[in-house]
């Protein structure tokens, strides 16, 4: 049992409230997953400055200043670079292509685990009470186009920051999951044979890596999720976000809860209605439970 809360803001006038609204949603699903949590926020200028690459790290063993110096040595002279510690997560921004920053950090911090990357999204994770983690990450003050949060109750792997969600395994691609996949080990072996590397033993990471492969092969988000439904067995509710999209899908039996609310200003999904009750205009929203096995998508 885990808690999911996701919000896409359609109305630019509301984007300054993204973090505040998402924080309120997350607070209502804490009891579904009290051991760890993560958030991904898109297009917050304080986390992902326009035109810069952003990489999130766990397990950094040096100070931010030391990591800054080691990373700068791997990048072109004059690169604008910032390194910030945010609880268990270290956030690195640089005005270079994402792949170049990823490569530089692998050299500068070889023992650290990269848990997020992109030009639009910042992913922050930690172990502990999700509300305290959200406060540590400054969620209330964040703005942006969309965000997804997850409160975890570990079942398939240990309680670690790296095992928490979202899984941001490719540029601006995030996945959160409530449920379990029964055949994840088989799919992991198939992906590894194709050269895909994994950062954790979490079954949800397998789904995220699978989607990344499909999207890089040319699928759009809906098509990639249709393929996932054919390949993965288990009980699940998934929320997947990209730089300009949001998708929700449940397994064909729809064992795991999900509620969607939609207005002209925003689209929201949560594991329980109470997480949606405080959103502006909820009284006039279109409310529905996503149908079993159906892929729902929205674009910014």
C-alpha atoms as a PDB file:
ATOM      1  CA  UNK A   1       0.000   0.000   0.000  1.00  0.00           C
ATOM      2  CA  UNK A   2       1.582   3.252  -1.181  1.00  0.00           C
ATOM      3  CA  UNK A   3       0.231   6.734  -1.723  1.00  0.00           C
ATOM      4  CA  UNK A   4       0.304   8.648  -4.995  1.00  0.00           C
ATOM      5  CA  UNK A   5      -0.520  12.304  -5.569  1.00  0.00           C
ATOM      6  CA  UNK A   6       0.032  13.964  -8.954  1.00  0.00           C
ATOM      7  CA  UNK A   7      -0.974  17.348 -10.316  1.00  0.00           C
ATOM      8  CA  UNK A   8      -0.703  18.964 -13.751  1.00  0.00           C
ATOM      9  CA  UNK A   9      -1.421  22.697 -13.930  1.00  0.00           C
ATOM     10  CA  UNK A  10      -3.066  23.817 -17.182  1.00  0.00           C
ATOM     11  CA  UNK A  11      -3.753  27.415 -16.121  1.00  0.00           C
ATOM     12  CA  UNK A  12      -0.499  29.452 -15.979  1.00  0.00           C
ATOM     13  CA  UNK A  13      -2.062  31.657 -13.292  1.00  0.00           C
ATOM     14  CA  UNK A  14      -2.038  28.688 -10.901  1.00  0.00           C
ATOM     15  CA  UNK A  15       1.525  27.532 -11.483  1.00  0.00           C
ATOM     16  CA  UNK A  16       2.933  29.528  -8.569  1.00  0.00           C
ATOM     17  CA  UNK A  17       0.722  27.369  -6.333  1.00  0.00           C
ATOM     18  CA  UNK A  18       1.875  23.991  -7.639  1.00  0.00           C
ATOM     19  CA  UNK A  19       4.000  23.115  -4.607  1.00  0.00           C
ATOM     20  CA  UNK A  20       1.455  24.297  -2.073  1.00  0.00           C
ATOM     21  CA  UNK A  21      -1.334  22.309  -3.714  1.00  0.00           C
ATOM     22  CA  UNK A  22       0.818  19.210  -4.130  1.00  0.00           C
ATOM     23  CA  UNK A  23       1.929  19.442  -0.496  1.00  0.00           C
ATOM     24  CA  UNK A  24      -1.700  19.405   0.615  1.00  0.00           C
ATOM     25  CA  UNK A  25      -2.339  16.348  -1.525  1.00  0.00           C
ATOM     26  CA  UNK A  26       0.711  14.488  -0.235  1.00  0.00           C
ATOM     27  CA  UNK A  27      -0.264  15.127   3.388  1.00  0.00           C
ATOM     28  CA  UNK A  28      -3.498  13.192   2.831  1.00  0.00           C
ATOM     29  CA  UNK A  29      -1.763   9.998   1.642  1.00  0.00           C
ATOM     30  CA  UNK A  30       0.988   9.778   4.271  1.00  0.00           C
ATOM     31  CA  UNK A  31      -0.642   6.884   6.112  1.00  0.00           C
ATOM     32  CA  UNK A  32      -0.515   4.852   2.909  1.00  0.00           C
ATOM     33  CA  UNK A  33       3.294   4.953   2.944  1.00  0.00           C
ATOM     34  CA  UNK A  34       5.042   6.264   6.046  1.00  0.00           C
ATOM     35  CA  UNK A  35       8.578   4.943   5.560  1.00  0.00           C
ATOM     36  CA  UNK A  36       9.976   7.097   2.735  1.00  0.00           C
ATOM     37  CA  UNK A  37       8.897   9.509   0.036  1.00  0.00           C
ATOM     38  CA  UNK A  38       9.880  11.343  -3.087  1.00  0.00           C
ATOM     39  CA  UNK A  39       8.702  14.220  -5.235  1.00  0.00           C
ATOM     40  CA  UNK A  40       9.383  15.358  -8.771  1.00  0.00           C
ATOM     41  CA  UNK A  41       8.639  18.960  -9.717  1.00  0.00           C
ATOM     42  CA  UNK A  42       8.655  20.229 -13.290  1.00  0.00           C
ATOM     43  CA  UNK A  43       9.729  23.708 -14.384  1.00  0.00           C
ATOM     44  CA  UNK A  44      10.461  25.298 -11.026  1.00  0.00           C
ATOM     45  CA  UNK A  45      13.084  27.929 -11.843  1.00  0.00           C
ATOM     46  CA  UNK A  46      14.665  27.588  -8.396  1.00  0.00           C
ATOM     47  CA  UNK A  47      15.311  23.874  -8.986  1.00  0.00           C
ATOM     48  CA  UNK A  48      15.697  23.591 -12.759  1.00  0.00           C
ATOM     49  CA  UNK A  49      16.805  26.865 -14.272  1.00  0.00           C
ATOM     50  CA  UNK A  50      15.713  27.311 -17.866  1.00  0.00           C
ATOM     51  CA  UNK A  51      18.243  25.915 -20.314  1.00  0.00           C
ATOM     52  CA  UNK A  52      20.224  24.003 -17.704  1.00  0.00           C
ATOM     53  CA  UNK A  53      20.647  20.309 -17.005  1.00  0.00           C
ATOM     54  CA  UNK A  54      19.621  18.960 -13.619  1.00  0.00           C
ATOM     55  CA  UNK A  55      20.831  15.719 -12.029  1.00  0.00           C
ATOM     56  CA  UNK A  56      19.762  14.380  -8.617  1.00  0.00           C
ATOM     57  CA  UNK A  57      22.128  12.232  -6.577  1.00  0.00           C
ATOM     58  CA  UNK A  58      21.957   9.998  -3.511  1.00  0.00           C
ATOM     59  CA  UNK A  59      24.867   8.767  -1.465  1.00  0.00           C
ATOM     60  CA  UNK A  60      27.182  11.715  -1.977  1.00  0.00           C
ATOM     61  CA  UNK A  61      30.006  11.381   0.547  1.00  0.00           C
ATOM     62  CA  UNK A  62      31.720  14.746   0.037  1.00  0.00           C
ATOM     63  CA  UNK A  63      30.624  18.294   0.782  1.00  0.00           C
ATOM     64  CA  UNK A  64      28.746  20.343  -1.829  1.00  0.00           C
ATOM     65  CA  UNK A  65      31.853  22.500  -2.295  1.00  0.00           C
ATOM     66  CA  UNK A  66      34.017  19.441  -2.874  1.00  0.00           C
ATOM     67  CA  UNK A  67      31.551  17.968  -5.344  1.00  0.00           C
ATOM     68  CA  UNK A  68      31.348  21.329  -7.104  1.00  0.00           C
ATOM     69  CA  UNK A  69      35.103  21.421  -7.570  1.00  0.00           C
ATOM     70  CA  UNK A  70      35.328  17.810  -8.760  1.00  0.00           C
ATOM     71  CA  UNK A  71      32.448  18.251 -11.209  1.00  0.00           C
ATOM     72  CA  UNK A  72      33.716  21.567 -12.548  1.00  0.00           C
ATOM     73  CA  UNK A  73      37.010  19.856 -13.376  1.00  0.00           C
ATOM     74  CA  UNK A  74      35.100  17.492 -15.698  1.00  0.00           C
ATOM     75  CA  UNK A  75      33.159  20.225 -17.511  1.00  0.00           C
ATOM     76  CA  UNK A  76      34.252  22.968 -19.944  1.00  0.00           C
ATOM     77  CA  UNK A  77      35.862  26.003 -18.338  1.00  0.00           C
ATOM     78  CA  UNK A  78      33.337  28.688 -17.461  1.00  0.00           C
ATOM     79  CA  UNK A  79      30.397  26.293 -17.075  1.00  0.00           C
ATOM     80  CA  UNK A  80      27.797  27.715 -14.715  1.00  0.00           C
ATOM     81  CA  UNK A  81      27.390  25.060 -12.016  1.00  0.00           C
ATOM     82  CA  UNK A  82      25.487  24.803  -8.738  1.00  0.00           C
ATOM     83  CA  UNK A  83      25.474  22.007  -6.151  1.00  0.00           C
ATOM     84  CA  UNK A  84      22.909  21.907  -3.332  1.00  0.00           C
ATOM     85  CA  UNK A  85      22.334  19.422  -0.547  1.00  0.00           C
ATOM     86  CA  UNK A  86      18.624  18.853   0.111  1.00  0.00           C
ATOM     87  CA  UNK A  87      18.361  16.203   2.813  1.00  0.00           C
ATOM     88  CA  UNK A  88      19.399  12.817   1.405  1.00  0.00           C
ATOM     89  CA  UNK A  89      19.396  14.258  -2.118  1.00  0.00           C
ATOM     90  CA  UNK A  90      22.070  16.374  -3.761  1.00  0.00           C
ATOM     91  CA  UNK A  91      20.853  18.501  -6.676  1.00  0.00           C
ATOM     92  CA  UNK A  92      23.326  19.549  -9.387  1.00  0.00           C
ATOM     93  CA  UNK A  93      22.578  22.095 -12.124  1.00  0.00           C
ATOM     94  CA  UNK A  94      24.827  23.070 -15.031  1.00  0.00           C
ATOM     95  CA  UNK A  95      24.416  24.910 -18.330  1.00  0.00           C
ATOM     96  CA  UNK A  96      25.513  21.892 -20.400  1.00  0.00           C
ATOM     97  CA  UNK A  97      23.617  19.053 -22.124  1.00  0.00           C
ATOM     98  CA  UNK A  98      22.154  16.519 -19.696  1.00  0.00           C
ATOM     99  CA  UNK A  99      24.348  13.690 -20.991  1.00  0.00           C
ATOM    100  CA  UNK A 100      27.479  15.779 -20.366  1.00  0.00           C
ATOM    101  CA  UNK A 101      26.491  16.491 -16.766  1.00  0.00           C
ATOM    102  CA  UNK A 102      25.614  12.831 -16.188  1.00  0.00           C
ATOM    103  CA  UNK A 103      29.038  11.808 -17.500  1.00  0.00           C
ATOM    104  CA  UNK A 104      30.867  14.425 -15.434  1.00  0.00           C
ATOM    105  CA  UNK A 105      29.127  13.348 -12.229  1.00  0.00           C
ATOM    106  CA  UNK A 106      29.947   9.701 -12.822  1.00  0.00           C
ATOM    107  CA  UNK A 107      33.584  10.715 -12.744  1.00  0.00           C
ATOM    108  CA  UNK A 108      33.312  13.278  -9.964  1.00  0.00           C
ATOM    109  CA  UNK A 109      31.132  11.129  -7.670  1.00  0.00           C
ATOM    110  CA  UNK A 110      31.503   7.519  -8.846  1.00  0.00           C
ATOM    111  CA  UNK A 111      29.931   6.059  -5.707  1.00  0.00           C
ATOM    112  CA  UNK A 112      26.844   8.276  -5.798  1.00  0.00           C
ATOM    113  CA  UNK A 113      23.602   7.056  -7.315  1.00  0.00           C
ATOM    114  CA  UNK A 114      21.920   9.196  -9.965  1.00  0.00           C
ATOM    115  CA  UNK A 115      18.180   9.237  -9.264  1.00  0.00           C
ATOM    116  CA  UNK A 116      16.996  11.996 -11.566  1.00  0.00           C
ATOM    117  CA  UNK A 117      17.977  13.811 -14.747  1.00  0.00           C
ATOM    118  CA  UNK A 118      16.556  16.227 -17.260  1.00  0.00           C
ATOM    119  CA  UNK A 119      16.091  19.851 -18.210  1.00  0.00           C
ATOM    120  CA  UNK A 120      12.613  20.279 -16.736  1.00  0.00           C
ATOM    121  CA  UNK A 121      12.412  18.059 -13.648  1.00  0.00           C
ATOM    122  CA  UNK A 122      14.025  17.904 -10.224  1.00  0.00           C
ATOM    123  CA  UNK A 123      13.601  14.670  -8.252  1.00  0.00           C
ATOM    124  CA  UNK A 124      14.087  14.637  -4.478  1.00  0.00           C
ATOM    125  CA  UNK A 125      13.937  11.520  -2.278  1.00  0.00           C
ATOM    126  CA  UNK A 126      14.500  10.531   1.320  1.00  0.00           C
ATOM    127  CA  UNK A 127      13.771   8.094   4.131  1.00  0.00           C
ATOM    128  CA  UNK A 128      11.464   9.208   6.914  1.00  0.00           C
ATOM    129  CA  UNK A 129       8.085  10.779   7.467  1.00  0.00           C
ATOM    130  CA  UNK A 130       6.839  12.088   4.094  1.00  0.00           C
ATOM    131  CA  UNK A 131       5.511  15.371   5.511  1.00  0.00           C
ATOM    132  CA  UNK A 132       8.843  16.113   7.170  1.00  0.00           C
ATOM    133  CA  UNK A 133      10.631  15.268   3.933  1.00  0.00           C
ATOM    134  CA  UNK A 134       8.322  17.549   1.947  1.00  0.00           C
ATOM    135  CA  UNK A 135       9.143  20.362   4.355  1.00  0.00           C
ATOM    136  CA  UNK A 136      12.850  19.592   4.037  1.00  0.00           C
ATOM    137  CA  UNK A 137      12.521  19.841   0.260  1.00  0.00           C
ATOM    138  CA  UNK A 138      10.621  23.133   0.513  1.00  0.00           C
ATOM    139  CA  UNK A 139       7.699  21.719  -1.433  1.00  0.00           C
ATOM    140  CA  UNK A 140       5.188  24.373  -0.343  1.00  0.00           C
ATOM    141  CA  UNK A 141       7.191  27.126  -2.012  1.00  0.00           C
ATOM    142  CA  UNK A 142       7.715  25.345  -5.342  1.00  0.00           C
ATOM    143  CA  UNK A 143       6.096  26.504  -8.562  1.00  0.00           C
ATOM    144  CA  UNK A 144       5.897  24.799 -11.925  1.00  0.00           C
ATOM    145  CA  UNK A 145       3.801  23.007 -14.509  1.00  0.00           C
ATOM    146  CA  UNK A 146       3.325  19.651 -12.852  1.00  0.00           C
ATOM    147  CA  UNK A 147       4.481  17.497  -9.988  1.00  0.00           C
ATOM    148  CA  UNK A 148       4.187  13.971  -8.675  1.00  0.00           C
ATOM    149  CA  UNK A 149       4.710  12.674  -5.153  1.00  0.00           C
ATOM    150  CA  UNK A 150       4.804   9.219  -3.624  1.00  0.00           C
ATOM    151  CA  UNK A 151       4.656   7.934  -0.060  1.00  0.00           C
ATOM    152  CA  UNK A 152       6.084   4.443   0.164  1.00  0.00           C
ATOM    153  CA  UNK A 153       5.300   1.337   2.158  1.00  0.00           C
ATOM    154  CA  UNK A 154       8.081  -1.013   1.079  1.00  0.00           C
ATOM    155  CA  UNK A 155       7.067  -4.517  -0.015  1.00  0.00           C
ATOM    156  CA  UNK A 156       9.375  -5.616  -2.822  1.00  0.00           C
ATOM    157  CA  UNK A 157      12.651  -4.124  -1.570  1.00  0.00           C
ATOM    158  CA  UNK A 158      14.281  -2.488   1.435  1.00  0.00           C
ATOM    159  CA  UNK A 159      13.413   0.888   2.940  1.00  0.00           C
ATOM    160  CA  UNK A 160      16.028   3.091   1.311  1.00  0.00           C
ATOM    161  CA  UNK A 161      16.018   6.490  -0.351  1.00  0.00           C
ATOM    162  CA  UNK A 162      17.032   4.875  -3.637  1.00  0.00           C
ATOM    163  CA  UNK A 163      14.086   2.474  -3.440  1.00  0.00           C
ATOM    164  CA  UNK A 164      11.583   5.274  -2.990  1.00  0.00           C
ATOM    165  CA  UNK A 165       9.678   6.782  -5.899  1.00  0.00           C
ATOM    166  CA  UNK A 166       9.555   8.585  -8.326  1.00  0.00           C
ATOM    167  CA  UNK A 167      11.936   6.715 -10.602  1.00  0.00           C
ATOM    168  CA  UNK A 168      13.414   9.290 -12.961  1.00  0.00           C
ATOM    169  CA  UNK A 169      15.527   7.050 -15.169  1.00  0.00           C
ATOM    170  CA  UNK A 170      15.713   9.096 -18.370  1.00  0.00           C
ATOM    171  CA  UNK A 171      15.499  12.757 -19.263  1.00  0.00           C
ATOM    172  CA  UNK A 172      12.362  14.232 -17.624  1.00  0.00           C
ATOM    173  CA  UNK A 173      10.675  10.796 -17.385  1.00  0.00           C
ATOM    174  CA  UNK A 174       9.197   9.913 -13.971  1.00  0.00           C
ATOM    175  CA  UNK A 175       7.207   6.918 -12.769  1.00  0.00           C
ATOM    176  CA  UNK A 176       5.434   6.263  -9.484  1.00  0.00           C
ATOM    177  CA  UNK A 177       3.765   2.969  -8.645  1.00  0.00           C
ATOM    178  CA  UNK A 178       1.345   1.549  -6.139  1.00  0.00           C
ATOM    179  CA  UNK A 179       1.345  -2.243  -6.315  1.00  0.00           C
ATOM    180  CA  UNK A 180       3.747  -4.975  -7.345  1.00  0.00           C
ATOM    181  CA  UNK A 181       4.892  -6.717 -10.519  1.00  0.00           C
ATOM    182  CA  UNK A 182       5.135 -10.491 -10.338  1.00  0.00           C
ATOM    183  CA  UNK A 183       7.394 -10.914 -13.389  1.00  0.00           C
ATOM    184  CA  UNK A 184       9.771  -8.005 -12.867  1.00  0.00           C
ATOM    185  CA  UNK A 185      12.816 -10.283 -12.488  1.00  0.00           C
ATOM    186  CA  UNK A 186      12.235 -11.807 -15.924  1.00  0.00           C
ATOM    187  CA  UNK A 187      11.841  -8.414 -17.580  1.00  0.00           C
ATOM    188  CA  UNK A 188      14.896  -7.105 -15.715  1.00  0.00           C
ATOM    189  CA  UNK A 189      16.990  -9.928 -17.178  1.00  0.00           C
ATOM    190  CA  UNK A 190      15.694  -9.163 -20.672  1.00  0.00           C
ATOM    191  CA  UNK A 191      16.495  -5.468 -20.332  1.00  0.00           C
ATOM    192  CA  UNK A 192      19.943  -6.180 -18.906  1.00  0.00           C
ATOM    193  CA  UNK A 193      20.667  -8.371 -21.921  1.00  0.00           C
ATOM    194  CA  UNK A 194      19.922  -5.277 -24.030  1.00  0.00           C
ATOM    195  CA  UNK A 195      22.477  -3.259 -22.041  1.00  0.00           C
ATOM    196  CA  UNK A 196      20.092  -1.497 -19.650  1.00  0.00           C
ATOM    197  CA  UNK A 197      21.616  -0.784 -16.232  1.00  0.00           C
ATOM    198  CA  UNK A 198      19.684  -0.699 -12.937  1.00  0.00           C
ATOM    199  CA  UNK A 199      20.255   1.296  -9.764  1.00  0.00           C
ATOM    200  CA  UNK A 200      18.101  -0.660  -7.324  1.00  0.00           C
ATOM    201  CA  UNK A 201      16.330  -3.981  -6.821  1.00  0.00           C
ATOM    202  CA  UNK A 202      12.932  -2.250  -6.856  1.00  0.00           C
ATOM    203  CA  UNK A 203      10.318  -3.760  -9.175  1.00  0.00           C
ATOM    204  CA  UNK A 204       9.031  -0.284 -10.053  1.00  0.00           C
ATOM    205  CA  UNK A 205      12.399   0.687 -11.516  1.00  0.00           C
ATOM    206  CA  UNK A 206      11.993  -2.143 -14.031  1.00  0.00           C
ATOM    207  CA  UNK A 207       8.791  -0.537 -15.319  1.00  0.00           C
ATOM    208  CA  UNK A 208      10.483   2.862 -15.545  1.00  0.00           C
ATOM    209  CA  UNK A 209      13.455   1.428 -17.455  1.00  0.00           C
ATOM    210  CA  UNK A 210      11.108  -0.441 -19.773  1.00  0.00           C
ATOM    211  CA  UNK A 211       9.216   2.745 -20.608  1.00  0.00           C
ATOM    212  CA  UNK A 212      12.463   4.622 -21.212  1.00  0.00           C
ATOM    213  CA  UNK A 213      13.508   1.989 -23.759  1.00  0.00           C
ATOM    214  CA  UNK A 214      10.128   2.150 -25.509  1.00  0.00           C
ATOM    215  CA  UNK A 215      10.119   5.959 -25.645  1.00  0.00           C
ATOM    216  CA  UNK A 216      13.663   6.085 -27.005  1.00  0.00           C
ATOM    217  CA  UNK A 217      12.593   3.584 -29.669  1.00  0.00           C
ATOM    218  CA  UNK A 218       9.941   6.031 -30.857  1.00  0.00           C
ATOM    219  CA  UNK A 219       6.778   5.189 -28.915  1.00  0.00           C
ATOM    220  CA  UNK A 220       4.648   7.996 -27.595  1.00  0.00           C
ATOM    221  CA  UNK A 221       3.680   7.754 -23.926  1.00  0.00           C
ATOM    222  CA  UNK A 222       0.310   6.112 -24.530  1.00  0.00           C
ATOM    223  CA  UNK A 223       1.781   3.486 -26.863  1.00  0.00           C
ATOM    224  CA  UNK A 224       4.616   2.723 -24.450  1.00  0.00           C
ATOM    225  CA  UNK A 225       2.114   2.113 -21.653  1.00  0.00           C
ATOM    226  CA  UNK A 226      -0.001  -0.110 -23.895  1.00  0.00           C
ATOM    227  CA  UNK A 227       3.097  -2.247 -24.450  1.00  0.00           C
ATOM    228  CA  UNK A 228       3.802  -2.265 -20.713  1.00  0.00           C
ATOM    229  CA  UNK A 229       0.321  -3.667 -20.054  1.00  0.00           C
ATOM    230  CA  UNK A 230       1.105  -6.569 -22.396  1.00  0.00           C
ATOM    231  CA  UNK A 231       4.477  -7.359 -20.810  1.00  0.00           C
ATOM    232  CA  UNK A 232       4.000  -6.802 -17.065  1.00  0.00           C
ATOM    233  CA  UNK A 233       1.965  -8.989 -14.753  1.00  0.00           C
ATOM    234  CA  UNK A 234       0.769  -7.813 -11.372  1.00  0.00           C
ATOM    235  CA  UNK A 235      -1.467  -5.381  -9.546  1.00  0.00           C
ATOM    236  CA  UNK A 236      -0.657  -1.736 -10.138  1.00  0.00           C
ATOM    237  CA  UNK A 237      -1.628   1.856 -10.482  1.00  0.00           C
ATOM    238  CA  UNK A 238       1.005   3.838 -12.364  1.00  0.00           C
ATOM    239  CA  UNK A 239       1.453   7.551 -12.898  1.00  0.00           C
ATOM    240  CA  UNK A 240       4.023   8.545 -15.515  1.00  0.00           C
ATOM    241  CA  UNK A 241       5.133  12.080 -16.334  1.00  0.00           C
ATOM    242  CA  UNK A 242       7.282  13.586 -19.065  1.00  0.00           C
ATOM    243  CA  UNK A 243       8.291  17.190 -19.699  1.00  0.00           C
ATOM    244  CA  UNK A 244       4.886  17.889 -21.245  1.00  0.00           C
ATOM    245  CA  UNK A 245       2.679  14.929 -20.376  1.00  0.00           C
ATOM    246  CA  UNK A 246       0.917  13.015 -17.605  1.00  0.00           C
ATOM    247  CA  UNK A 247      -0.451   9.473 -17.838  1.00  0.00           C
ATOM    248  CA  UNK A 248      -2.351   7.126 -15.535  1.00  0.00           C
ATOM    249  CA  UNK A 249      -2.965   3.405 -15.976  1.00  0.00           C
ATOM    250  CA  UNK A 250      -4.260   0.626 -13.736  1.00  0.00           C
ATOM    251  CA  UNK A 251      -3.932  -3.115 -14.149  1.00  0.00           C
ATOM    252  CA  UNK A 252      -6.758  -5.003 -15.928  1.00  0.00           C
ATOM    253  CA  UNK A 253      -8.369  -5.955 -12.617  1.00  0.00           C
ATOM    254  CA  UNK A 254      -7.911  -2.484 -11.088  1.00  0.00           C
ATOM    255  CA  UNK A 255      -6.917  -3.782  -7.671  1.00  0.00           C
ATOM    256  CA  UNK A 256      -5.133  -0.618  -6.562  1.00  0.00           C
ATOM    257  CA  UNK A 257      -7.143   2.533  -5.849  1.00  0.00           C
ATOM    258  CA  UNK A 258      -7.057   5.686  -7.945  1.00  0.00           C
ATOM    259  CA  UNK A 259      -9.235   8.757  -8.349  1.00  0.00           C
ATOM    260  CA  UNK A 260      -8.889  11.422 -11.050  1.00  0.00           C
ATOM    261  CA  UNK A 261     -10.249  14.967 -10.973  1.00  0.00           C
ATOM    262  CA  UNK A 262     -10.159  17.294 -13.969  1.00  0.00           C
ATOM    263  CA  UNK A 263     -11.057  20.931 -14.531  1.00  0.00           C
ATOM    264  CA  UNK A 264     -10.120  23.498 -17.156  1.00  0.00           C
ATOM    265  CA  UNK A 265      -7.327  24.636 -14.818  1.00  0.00           C
ATOM    266  CA  UNK A 266      -5.734  21.373 -13.716  1.00  0.00           C
ATOM    267  CA  UNK A 267      -5.720  17.575 -13.757  1.00  0.00           C
ATOM    268  CA  UNK A 268      -5.044  15.649 -10.560  1.00  0.00           C
ATOM    269  CA  UNK A 269      -4.763  12.001  -9.578  1.00  0.00           C
ATOM    270  CA  UNK A 270      -4.491  10.517  -6.107  1.00  0.00           C
ATOM    271  CA  UNK A 271      -4.851   7.209  -4.339  1.00  0.00           C
ATOM    272  CA  UNK A 272      -7.781   8.572  -2.318  1.00  0.00           C
ATOM    273  CA  UNK A 273     -10.338  11.331  -2.844  1.00  0.00           C
ATOM    274  CA  UNK A 274      -9.379  13.129   0.373  1.00  0.00           C
ATOM    275  CA  UNK A 275      -6.102  14.134  -1.321  1.00  0.00           C
ATOM    276  CA  UNK A 276      -8.126  15.983  -3.974  1.00  0.00           C
ATOM    277  CA  UNK A 277     -10.660  17.638  -1.687  1.00  0.00           C
ATOM    278  CA  UNK A 278      -8.616  20.812  -1.106  1.00  0.00           C
ATOM    279  CA  UNK A 279      -7.928  21.639  -4.751  1.00  0.00           C
ATOM    280  CA  UNK A 280      -9.433  24.886  -6.073  1.00  0.00           C
ATOM    281  CA  UNK A 281     -12.686  24.278  -7.911  1.00  0.00           C
ATOM    282  CA  UNK A 282     -12.932  20.642  -6.859  1.00  0.00           C
ATOM    283  CA  UNK A 283     -16.675  21.057  -6.378  1.00  0.00           C
ATOM    284  CA  UNK A 284     -17.039  21.569 -10.141  1.00  0.00           C
ATOM    285  CA  UNK A 285     -14.434  19.037 -11.256  1.00  0.00           C
ATOM    286  CA  UNK A 286     -15.093  15.984 -13.356  1.00  0.00           C
ATOM    287  CA  UNK A 287     -14.410  13.153 -10.906  1.00  0.00           C
ATOM    288  CA  UNK A 288     -13.962   9.538 -11.912  1.00  0.00           C
ATOM    289  CA  UNK A 289     -12.192   6.310 -11.096  1.00  0.00           C
ATOM    290  CA  UNK A 290      -9.928   5.274 -13.979  1.00  0.00           C
ATOM    291  CA  UNK A 291     -11.230   2.181 -15.747  1.00  0.00           C
ATOM    292  CA  UNK A 292      -9.311  -1.105 -15.510  1.00  0.00           C
ATOM    293  CA  UNK A 293      -6.560  -1.426 -18.100  1.00  0.00           C
ATOM    294  CA  UNK A 294      -7.242   1.934 -19.775  1.00  0.00           C
ATOM    295  CA  UNK A 295      -4.421   4.403 -20.425  1.00  0.00           C
ATOM    296  CA  UNK A 296      -5.299   8.046 -19.725  1.00  0.00           C
ATOM    297  CA  UNK A 297      -3.042  10.833 -20.967  1.00  0.00           C
ATOM    298  CA  UNK A 298      -2.976  14.635 -20.728  1.00  0.00           C
ATOM    299  CA  UNK A 299      -0.616  17.118 -22.367  1.00  0.00           C
ATOM    300  CA  UNK A 300       0.460  20.585 -21.260  1.00  0.00           C
END
